[in-house]
Amino acid sequence: MAAMEKIDWSECSLVEVKAGVQSGAPVLRRTRMPVDAIVDNFDYGVSAVEIAEQFEIPAEQVEAILTYDKSHRIAHSV
């Protein structure tokens, strides 16, 4: 199994973390949409356009999340 990767979303203006929303998981600001769902779908081969349509969120937000994810992945041991 590949090493797990953790993203520090604290500098992404599109993402917020609130204790009472999705158990404190990072979500798109002002939504309950976990950013991990966007990243995981993309990693499994779903296109950004398909993700935007599936979750009914703007394609620009999906692209921004994926760009941030790609540039901020931090490898850590499992």
PDB file of N, CA and C in Angstrom:
ATOM      1  N   MET A   1       0.846  -1.196   0.000  1.00  0.00           N
ATOM      2  CA  MET A   1       0.000   0.000   0.000  1.00  0.00           C
ATOM      3  C   MET A   1       0.881   1.245   0.000  1.00  0.00           C
ATOM      4  N   ALA A   2       0.529   2.224  -0.796  1.00  0.00           N
ATOM      5  CA  ALA A   2       1.309   3.465  -0.890  1.00  0.00           C
ATOM      6  C   ALA A   2       1.210   4.253   0.411  1.00  0.00           C
ATOM      7  N   ALA A   3       2.197   5.091   0.651  1.00  0.00           N
ATOM      8  CA  ALA A   3       2.178   5.934   1.848  1.00  0.00           C
ATOM      9  C   ALA A   3       0.984   6.883   1.783  1.00  0.00           C
ATOM     10  N   MET A   4       0.356   7.086   2.910  1.00  0.00           N
ATOM     11  CA  MET A   4      -0.768   8.019   2.982  1.00  0.00           C
ATOM     12  C   MET A   4      -0.223   9.436   2.792  1.00  0.00           C
ATOM     13  N   GLU A   5      -1.028  10.300   2.226  1.00  0.00           N
ATOM     14  CA  GLU A   5      -0.610  11.683   2.044  1.00  0.00           C
ATOM     15  C   GLU A   5      -1.600  12.585   2.752  1.00  0.00           C
ATOM     16  N   LYS A   6      -1.057  13.606   3.405  1.00  0.00           N
ATOM     17  CA  LYS A   6      -1.884  14.533   4.160  1.00  0.00           C
ATOM     18  C   LYS A   6      -1.722  15.919   3.541  1.00  0.00           C
ATOM     19  N   ILE A   7      -2.816  16.618   3.411  1.00  0.00           N
ATOM     20  CA  ILE A   7      -2.786  17.966   2.848  1.00  0.00           C
ATOM     21  C   ILE A   7      -3.073  18.956   3.961  1.00  0.00           C
ATOM     22  N   ASP A   8      -2.268  20.005   4.019  1.00  0.00           N
ATOM     23  CA  ASP A   8      -2.531  21.118   4.935  1.00  0.00           C
ATOM     24  C   ASP A   8      -3.361  22.131   4.149  1.00  0.00           C
ATOM     25  N   TRP A   9      -4.652  22.166   4.426  1.00  0.00           N
ATOM     26  CA  TRP A   9      -5.573  23.037   3.688  1.00  0.00           C
ATOM     27  C   TRP A   9      -5.676  24.421   4.308  1.00  0.00           C
ATOM     28  N   SER A  10      -4.935  24.703   5.356  1.00  0.00           N
ATOM     29  CA  SER A  10      -5.106  25.948   6.110  1.00  0.00           C
ATOM     30  C   SER A  10      -4.855  27.215   5.290  1.00  0.00           C
ATOM     31  N   GLU A  11      -4.086  27.117   4.214  1.00  0.00           N
ATOM     32  CA  GLU A  11      -3.798  28.301   3.402  1.00  0.00           C
ATOM     33  C   GLU A  11      -4.672  28.401   2.157  1.00  0.00           C
ATOM     34  N   CYS A  12      -5.608  27.478   2.005  1.00  0.00           N
ATOM     35  CA  CYS A  12      -6.497  27.494   0.837  1.00  0.00           C
ATOM     36  C   CYS A  12      -7.771  28.252   1.193  1.00  0.00           C
ATOM     37  N   SER A  13      -8.007  29.364   0.537  1.00  0.00           N
ATOM     38  CA  SER A  13      -9.160  30.219   0.857  1.00  0.00           C
ATOM     39  C   SER A  13     -10.502  29.563   0.527  1.00  0.00           C
ATOM     40  N   LEU A  14     -10.505  28.519  -0.289  1.00  0.00           N
ATOM     41  CA  LEU A  14     -11.746  27.836  -0.640  1.00  0.00           C
ATOM     42  C   LEU A  14     -12.165  26.797   0.393  1.00  0.00           C
ATOM     43  N   VAL A  15     -11.291  26.527   1.375  1.00  0.00           N
ATOM     44  CA  VAL A  15     -11.523  25.437   2.321  1.00  0.00           C
ATOM     45  C   VAL A  15     -11.668  25.970   3.737  1.00  0.00           C
ATOM     46  N   GLU A  16     -12.575  25.338   4.496  1.00  0.00           N
ATOM     47  CA  GLU A  16     -12.714  25.676   5.914  1.00  0.00           C
ATOM     48  C   GLU A  16     -12.843  24.382   6.710  1.00  0.00           C
ATOM     49  N   VAL A  17     -12.490  24.477   7.982  1.00  0.00           N
ATOM     50  CA  VAL A  17     -12.630  23.353   8.905  1.00  0.00           C
ATOM     51  C   VAL A  17     -13.423  23.848  10.101  1.00  0.00           C
ATOM     52  N   LYS A  18     -14.545  23.191  10.364  1.00  0.00           N
ATOM     53  CA  LYS A  18     -15.388  23.535  11.514  1.00  0.00           C
ATOM     54  C   LYS A  18     -15.704  22.246  12.257  1.00  0.00           C
ATOM     55  N   ALA A  19     -15.583  22.284  13.571  1.00  0.00           N
ATOM     56  CA  ALA A  19     -15.791  21.085  14.382  1.00  0.00           C
ATOM     57  C   ALA A  19     -17.144  20.424  14.130  1.00  0.00           C
ATOM     58  N   GLY A  20     -18.192  21.209  13.925  1.00  0.00           N
ATOM     59  CA  GLY A  20     -19.526  20.659  13.752  1.00  0.00           C
ATOM     60  C   GLY A  20     -19.909  20.304  12.327  1.00  0.00           C
ATOM     61  N   VAL A  21     -19.002  20.473  11.391  1.00  0.00           N
ATOM     62  CA  VAL A  21     -19.293  20.188   9.985  1.00  0.00           C
ATOM     63  C   VAL A  21     -18.414  19.030   9.524  1.00  0.00           C
ATOM     64  N   GLN A  22     -19.047  17.945   9.083  1.00  0.00           N
ATOM     65  CA  GLN A  22     -18.342  16.759   8.589  1.00  0.00           C
ATOM     66  C   GLN A  22     -17.259  16.289   9.569  1.00  0.00           C
ATOM     67  N   SER A  23     -17.564  16.322  10.843  1.00  0.00           N
ATOM     68  CA  SER A  23     -16.642  15.863  11.905  1.00  0.00           C
ATOM     69  C   SER A  23     -15.293  16.570  11.866  1.00  0.00           C
ATOM     70  N   GLY A  24     -15.293  17.825  11.414  1.00  0.00           N
ATOM     71  CA  GLY A  24     -14.064  18.604  11.393  1.00  0.00           C
ATOM     72  C   GLY A  24     -13.186  18.365  10.178  1.00  0.00           C
ATOM     73  N   ALA A  25     -13.692  17.625   9.202  1.00  0.00           N
ATOM     74  CA  ALA A  25     -12.928  17.396   7.971  1.00  0.00           C
ATOM     75  C   ALA A  25     -12.928  18.678   7.133  1.00  0.00           C
ATOM     76  N   PRO A  26     -11.861  18.921   6.374  1.00  0.00           N
ATOM     77  CA  PRO A  26     -11.839  20.096   5.489  1.00  0.00           C
ATOM     78  C   PRO A  26     -12.959  20.007   4.450  1.00  0.00           C
ATOM     79  N   VAL A  27     -13.707  21.098   4.313  1.00  0.00           N
ATOM     80  CA  VAL A  27     -14.814  21.157   3.351  1.00  0.00           C
ATOM     81  C   VAL A  27     -14.700  22.437   2.517  1.00  0.00           C
ATOM     82  N   LEU A  28     -15.379  22.439   1.372  1.00  0.00           N
ATOM     83  CA  LEU A  28     -15.469  23.680   0.602  1.00  0.00           C
ATOM     84  C   LEU A  28     -16.177  24.712   1.460  1.00  0.00           C
ATOM     85  N   ARG A  29     -15.630  25.913   1.500  1.00  0.00           N
ATOM     86  CA  ARG A  29     -16.186  26.987   2.323  1.00  0.00           C
ATOM     87  C   ARG A  29     -17.682  27.168   2.049  1.00  0.00           C
ATOM     88  N   ARG A  30     -18.451  27.317   3.118  1.00  0.00           N
ATOM     89  CA  ARG A  30     -19.902  27.520   3.079  1.00  0.00           C
ATOM     90  C   ARG A  30     -20.670  26.329   2.491  1.00  0.00           C
ATOM     91  N   THR A  31     -20.056  25.127   2.534  1.00  0.00           N
ATOM     92  CA  THR A  31     -20.744  23.909   2.096  1.00  0.00           C
ATOM     93  C   THR A  31     -20.420  22.791   3.088  1.00  0.00           C
ATOM     94  N   ARG A  32     -20.955  21.624   2.839  1.00  0.00           N
ATOM     95  CA  ARG A  32     -20.615  20.434   3.618  1.00  0.00           C
ATOM     96  C   ARG A  32     -19.848  19.448   2.732  1.00  0.00           C
ATOM     97  N   MET A  33     -19.314  19.943   1.609  1.00  0.00           N
ATOM     98  CA  MET A  33     -18.622  19.107   0.632  1.00  0.00           C
ATOM     99  C   MET A  33     -17.178  18.855   1.058  1.00  0.00           C
ATOM    100  N   PRO A  34     -16.841  17.626   1.485  1.00  0.00           N
ATOM    101  CA  PRO A  34     -15.465  17.335   1.888  1.00  0.00           C
ATOM    102  C   PRO A  34     -14.505  17.445   0.693  1.00  0.00           C
ATOM    103  N   VAL A  35     -13.414  18.163   0.883  1.00  0.00           N
ATOM    104  CA  VAL A  35     -12.451  18.291  -0.208  1.00  0.00           C
ATOM    105  C   VAL A  35     -11.810  16.949  -0.543  1.00  0.00           C
ATOM    106  N   ASP A  36     -11.731  16.050   0.431  1.00  0.00           N
ATOM    107  CA  ASP A  36     -11.186  14.719   0.155  1.00  0.00           C
ATOM    108  C   ASP A  36     -12.010  13.988  -0.899  1.00  0.00           C
ATOM    109  N   ALA A  37     -13.316  14.234  -0.948  1.00  0.00           N
ATOM    110  CA  ALA A  37     -14.162  13.589  -1.955  1.00  0.00           C
ATOM    111  C   ALA A  37     -13.773  14.058  -3.358  1.00  0.00           C
ATOM    112  N   ILE A  38     -13.434  15.325  -3.480  1.00  0.00           N
ATOM    113  CA  ILE A  38     -12.999  15.862  -4.775  1.00  0.00           C
ATOM    114  C   ILE A  38     -11.679  15.230  -5.180  1.00  0.00           C
ATOM    115  N   VAL A  39     -10.714  15.266  -4.262  1.00  0.00           N
ATOM    116  CA  VAL A  39      -9.373  14.741  -4.542  1.00  0.00           C
ATOM    117  C   VAL A  39      -9.418  13.236  -4.809  1.00  0.00           C
ATOM    118  N   ASP A  40     -10.150  12.502  -3.973  1.00  0.00           N
ATOM    119  CA  ASP A  40     -10.227  11.043  -4.136  1.00  0.00           C
ATOM    120  C   ASP A  40     -10.853  10.666  -5.472  1.00  0.00           C
ATOM    121  N   ASN A  41     -11.931  11.343  -5.853  1.00  0.00           N
ATOM    122  CA  ASN A  41     -12.556  11.054  -7.145  1.00  0.00           C
ATOM    123  C   ASN A  41     -11.592  11.317  -8.290  1.00  0.00           C
ATOM    124  N   PHE A  42     -10.869  12.421  -8.216  1.00  0.00           N
ATOM    125  CA  PHE A  42      -9.901  12.743  -9.264  1.00  0.00           C
ATOM    126  C   PHE A  42      -8.799  11.682  -9.311  1.00  0.00           C
ATOM    127  N   ASP A  43      -8.307  11.276  -8.129  1.00  0.00           N
ATOM    128  CA  ASP A  43      -7.263  10.249  -8.065  1.00  0.00           C
ATOM    129  C   ASP A  43      -7.738   8.922  -8.654  1.00  0.00           C
ATOM    130  N   TYR A  44      -9.054   8.658  -8.584  1.00  0.00           N
ATOM    131  CA  TYR A  44      -9.617   7.423  -9.143  1.00  0.00           C
ATOM    132  C   TYR A  44      -9.946   7.551 -10.622  1.00  0.00           C
ATOM    133  N   GLY A  45      -9.639   8.709 -11.221  1.00  0.00           N
ATOM    134  CA  GLY A  45      -9.798   8.851 -12.656  1.00  0.00           C
ATOM    135  C   GLY A  45     -11.007   9.644 -13.124  1.00  0.00           C
ATOM    136  N   VAL A  46     -11.762  10.227 -12.192  1.00  0.00           N
ATOM    137  CA  VAL A  46     -12.910  11.051 -12.574  1.00  0.00           C
ATOM    138  C   VAL A  46     -12.378  12.432 -12.962  1.00  0.00           C
ATOM    139  N   SER A  47     -12.841  12.959 -14.075  1.00  0.00           N
ATOM    140  CA  SER A  47     -12.345  14.267 -14.529  1.00  0.00           C
ATOM    141  C   SER A  47     -12.890  15.392 -13.648  1.00  0.00           C
ATOM    142  N   ALA A  48     -12.203  16.524 -13.680  1.00  0.00           N
ATOM    143  CA  ALA A  48     -12.635  17.692 -12.901  1.00  0.00           C
ATOM    144  C   ALA A  48     -14.039  18.127 -13.312  1.00  0.00           C
ATOM    145  N   VAL A  49     -14.331  18.078 -14.598  1.00  0.00           N
ATOM    146  CA  VAL A  49     -15.662  18.468 -15.094  1.00  0.00           C
ATOM    147  C   VAL A  49     -16.727  17.513 -14.555  1.00  0.00           C
ATOM    148  N   GLU A  50     -16.421  16.211 -14.579  1.00  0.00           N
ATOM    149  CA  GLU A  50     -17.379  15.224 -14.058  1.00  0.00           C
ATOM    150  C   GLU A  50     -17.604  15.408 -12.557  1.00  0.00           C
ATOM    151  N   ILE A  51     -16.537  15.722 -11.825  1.00  0.00           N
ATOM    152  CA  ILE A  51     -16.657  15.954 -10.385  1.00  0.00           C
ATOM    153  C   ILE A  51     -17.559  17.158 -10.133  1.00  0.00           C
ATOM    154  N   ALA A  52     -17.332  18.231 -10.878  1.00  0.00           N
ATOM    155  CA  ALA A  52     -18.140  19.438 -10.725  1.00  0.00           C
ATOM    156  C   ALA A  52     -19.619  19.139 -10.989  1.00  0.00           C
ATOM    157  N   GLU A  53     -19.883  18.369 -12.033  1.00  0.00           N
ATOM    158  CA  GLU A  53     -21.269  18.021 -12.360  1.00  0.00           C
ATOM    159  C   GLU A  53     -21.864  17.095 -11.303  1.00  0.00           C
ATOM    160  N   GLN A  54     -21.095  16.094 -10.879  1.00  0.00           N
ATOM    161  CA  GLN A  54     -21.583  15.119  -9.906  1.00  0.00           C
ATOM    162  C   GLN A  54     -21.957  15.783  -8.582  1.00  0.00           C
ATOM    163  N   PHE A  55     -21.116  16.691  -8.104  1.00  0.00           N
ATOM    164  CA  PHE A  55     -21.335  17.308  -6.806  1.00  0.00           C
ATOM    165  C   PHE A  55     -22.004  18.677  -6.890  1.00  0.00           C
ATOM    166  N   GLU A  56     -22.318  19.109  -8.124  1.00  0.00           N
ATOM    167  CA  GLU A  56     -22.990  20.387  -8.363  1.00  0.00           C
ATOM    168  C   GLU A  56     -22.238  21.552  -7.731  1.00  0.00           C
ATOM    169  N   ILE A  57     -20.946  21.617  -8.048  1.00  0.00           N
ATOM    170  CA  ILE A  57     -20.105  22.729  -7.602  1.00  0.00           C
ATOM    171  C   ILE A  57     -19.398  23.296  -8.831  1.00  0.00           C
ATOM    172  N   PRO A  58     -19.015  24.573  -8.783  1.00  0.00           N
ATOM    173  CA  PRO A  58     -18.368  25.181  -9.950  1.00  0.00           C
ATOM    174  C   PRO A  58     -17.066  24.471 -10.333  1.00  0.00           C
ATOM    175  N   ALA A  59     -16.880  24.262 -11.623  1.00  0.00           N
ATOM    176  CA  ALA A  59     -15.669  23.600 -12.123  1.00  0.00           C
ATOM    177  C   ALA A  59     -14.414  24.363 -11.700  1.00  0.00           C
ATOM    178  N   GLU A  60     -14.516  25.698 -11.604  1.00  0.00           N
ATOM    179  CA  GLU A  60     -13.356  26.500 -11.199  1.00  0.00           C
ATOM    180  C   GLU A  60     -12.913  26.131  -9.778  1.00  0.00           C
ATOM    181  N   GLN A  61     -13.880  25.839  -8.906  1.00  0.00           N
ATOM    182  CA  GLN A  61     -13.539  25.445  -7.537  1.00  0.00           C
ATOM    183  C   GLN A  61     -12.873  24.079  -7.523  1.00  0.00           C
ATOM    184  N   VAL A  62     -13.387  23.166  -8.328  1.00  0.00           N
ATOM    185  CA  VAL A  62     -12.782  21.835  -8.415  1.00  0.00           C
ATOM    186  C   VAL A  62     -11.345  21.958  -8.896  1.00  0.00           C
ATOM    187  N   GLU A  63     -11.132  22.721  -9.955  1.00  0.00           N
ATOM    188  CA  GLU A  63      -9.780  22.913 -10.490  1.00  0.00           C
ATOM    189  C   GLU A  63      -8.852  23.538  -9.443  1.00  0.00           C
ATOM    190  N   ALA A  64      -9.349  24.524  -8.711  1.00  0.00           N
ATOM    191  CA  ALA A  64      -8.538  25.192  -7.690  1.00  0.00           C
ATOM    192  C   ALA A  64      -8.162  24.223  -6.567  1.00  0.00           C
ATOM    193  N   ILE A  65      -9.106  23.395  -6.143  1.00  0.00           N
ATOM    194  CA  ILE A  65      -8.839  22.397  -5.096  1.00  0.00           C
ATOM    195  C   ILE A  65      -7.794  21.405  -5.589  1.00  0.00           C
ATOM    196  N   LEU A  66      -7.936  20.930  -6.815  1.00  0.00           N
ATOM    197  CA  LEU A  66      -6.990  19.960  -7.363  1.00  0.00           C
ATOM    198  C   LEU A  66      -5.597  20.565  -7.530  1.00  0.00           C
ATOM    199  N   THR A  67      -5.541  21.813  -7.945  1.00  0.00           N
ATOM    200  CA  THR A  67      -4.251  22.504  -8.091  1.00  0.00           C
ATOM    201  C   THR A  67      -3.579  22.665  -6.735  1.00  0.00           C
ATOM    202  N   TYR A  68      -4.351  23.078  -5.734  1.00  0.00           N
ATOM    203  CA  TYR A  68      -3.812  23.238  -4.382  1.00  0.00           C
ATOM    204  C   TYR A  68      -3.327  21.891  -3.861  1.00  0.00           C
ATOM    205  N   ASP A  69      -4.137  20.865  -4.037  1.00  0.00           N
ATOM    206  CA  ASP A  69      -3.771  19.518  -3.591  1.00  0.00           C
ATOM    207  C   ASP A  69      -2.445  19.079  -4.207  1.00  0.00           C
ATOM    208  N   LYS A  70      -2.318  19.250  -5.509  1.00  0.00           N
ATOM    209  CA  LYS A  70      -1.115  18.807  -6.218  1.00  0.00           C
ATOM    210  C   LYS A  70       0.133  19.520  -5.708  1.00  0.00           C
ATOM    211  N   SER A  71      -0.003  20.786  -5.362  1.00  0.00           N
ATOM    212  CA  SER A  71       1.174  21.554  -4.942  1.00  0.00           C
ATOM    213  C   SER A  71       1.449  21.498  -3.440  1.00  0.00           C
ATOM    214  N   HIS A  72       0.549  20.852  -2.661  1.00  0.00           N
ATOM    215  CA  HIS A  72       0.714  20.835  -1.202  1.00  0.00           C
ATOM    216  C   HIS A  72       0.726  19.443  -0.570  1.00  0.00           C
ATOM    217  N   ARG A  73       0.859  18.401  -1.366  1.00  0.00           N
ATOM    218  CA  ARG A  73       0.878  17.057  -0.788  1.00  0.00           C
ATOM    219  C   ARG A  73       2.117  16.884   0.087  1.00  0.00           C
ATOM    220  N   ILE A  74       1.884  16.322   1.270  1.00  0.00           N
ATOM    221  CA  ILE A  74       2.965  16.079   2.219  1.00  0.00           C
ATOM    222  C   ILE A  74       2.957  14.590   2.538  1.00  0.00           C
ATOM    223  N   ALA A  75       3.996  13.882   2.152  1.00  0.00           N
ATOM    224  CA  ALA A  75       4.065  12.443   2.431  1.00  0.00           C
ATOM    225  C   ALA A  75       4.399  12.232   3.898  1.00  0.00           C
ATOM    226  N   HIS A  76       3.778  11.233   4.496  1.00  0.00           N
ATOM    227  CA  HIS A  76       4.119  10.854   5.867  1.00  0.00           C
ATOM    228  C   HIS A  76       3.962   9.342   6.008  1.00  0.00           C
ATOM    229  N   SER A  77       4.662   8.776   6.946  1.00  0.00           N
ATOM    230  CA  SER A  77       4.629   7.320   7.091  1.00  0.00           C
ATOM    231  C   SER A  77       3.294   6.854   7.664  1.00  0.00           C
ATOM    232  N   VAL A  78       2.930   5.647   7.308  1.00  0.00           N
ATOM    233  CA  VAL A  78       1.659   5.070   7.744  1.00  0.00           C
ATOM    234  C   VAL A  78       1.855   4.387   9.088  1.00  0.00           C
TER     235      VAL A  78
END
